Protein backbone atom coordinates (compact mmCIF):
# COMPACT_ATOMS: atom_id res chain seq x y z
CA MET A 1 -5.99 13.74 -10.47
CA ASN A 2 -5.73 10.69 -8.22
CA THR A 3 -3.69 11.61 -5.15
CA LEU A 4 -4.23 8.40 -3.18
CA ALA A 5 -1.24 6.31 -2.12
CA PHE A 6 -1.28 2.94 -0.36
CA ILE A 7 1.46 2.15 2.16
CA ILE A 8 1.81 -1.57 2.88
CA ASP A 9 4.43 -2.36 5.52
CA ASP A 10 4.60 -4.36 8.73
CA SER A 11 6.85 -1.75 10.35
CA ALA A 12 5.02 1.07 12.16
CA ILE A 13 8.10 3.28 11.85
CA ASN A 14 8.29 2.85 8.07
CA ILE A 15 4.59 3.63 7.75
CA ALA A 16 4.93 6.75 9.91
CA VAL A 17 7.87 8.10 7.91
CA ALA A 18 6.21 7.41 4.55
CA ARG A 19 2.91 8.92 5.75
CA LEU A 20 4.64 12.09 6.95
CA LEU A 21 6.52 12.59 3.69
CA LEU A 22 3.58 11.84 1.44
CA LYS A 23 1.14 14.03 3.37
CA ARG A 24 3.61 16.92 3.22
CA LEU A 25 3.61 16.48 -0.55
CA GLY A 26 -0.19 16.64 -0.66
CA TRP A 27 -0.99 12.94 -1.01
CA SER A 28 -3.89 11.15 0.65
CA VAL A 29 -2.69 7.95 2.32
CA GLU A 30 -4.20 4.63 3.30
CA GLU A 31 -2.05 2.39 5.47
CA PHE A 32 -1.97 -1.39 5.77
CA THR A 33 0.19 -3.63 7.95
CA SER A 34 -0.42 -6.69 5.79
CA ALA A 35 -1.32 -7.56 2.24
CA VAL A 36 -4.73 -9.16 2.75
CA PRO A 37 -6.68 -6.03 3.81
CA MET A 38 -4.93 -4.00 1.11
CA LEU A 39 -6.04 -6.48 -1.56
CA ALA A 40 -9.62 -6.26 -0.30
CA ARG A 41 -9.48 -2.46 -0.42
CA LEU A 42 -7.92 -2.57 -3.89
CA SER A 43 -11.08 -4.21 -5.19
CA GLU A 44 -12.94 -1.02 -4.14
CA ILE A 45 -10.54 1.79 -5.05
CA ARG A 46 -7.35 2.27 -7.06
CA PRO A 47 -4.44 4.25 -5.63
CA ALA A 48 -2.13 6.28 -7.85
CA PHE A 49 0.72 4.22 -6.43
CA MET A 50 1.69 1.82 -3.65
CA LEU A 51 4.71 1.73 -1.38
CA LEU A 52 5.09 -1.98 -0.74
CA ASP A 53 7.39 -3.75 1.72
CA ILE A 54 9.08 -6.59 -0.14
CA SER A 55 9.46 -8.74 3.01
CA MET A 56 6.35 -9.14 5.16
CA PRO A 57 5.39 -12.07 7.39
CA ASP A 58 2.03 -13.01 5.83
CA MET A 59 2.80 -12.47 2.15
CA GLY A 60 5.92 -11.09 0.51
CA GLY A 61 5.87 -8.03 -1.67
CA GLU A 62 6.40 -9.91 -4.93
CA ALA A 63 3.43 -12.22 -4.29
CA THR A 64 1.35 -9.25 -3.15
CA MET A 65 2.10 -7.33 -6.34
CA GLY A 66 1.14 -10.31 -8.46
CA LEU A 67 -2.23 -10.55 -6.70
CA ALA A 68 -2.70 -6.76 -6.86
CA GLN A 69 -2.19 -6.84 -10.62
CA ALA A 70 -4.74 -9.65 -10.93
CA VAL A 71 -7.29 -7.73 -8.85
CA SER A 72 -6.75 -4.61 -10.97
CA ARG A 73 -7.63 -6.33 -14.25
């Protein structure tokens, strides 16, 4: 079973809270503060799910999800 989750958020506090909760539930976590490195990593490995901030400075969550879906195909 894939237990990897990606957290993509520009807020360190949001990442810390999500990491704490997910790790307590037994998930492995990879954290990203912007979309670009997450998209690069996504070409190497697939998480079970992603927690994605909808409003980030470099690329919004909706655009990021569209690119993530394209990379996953």
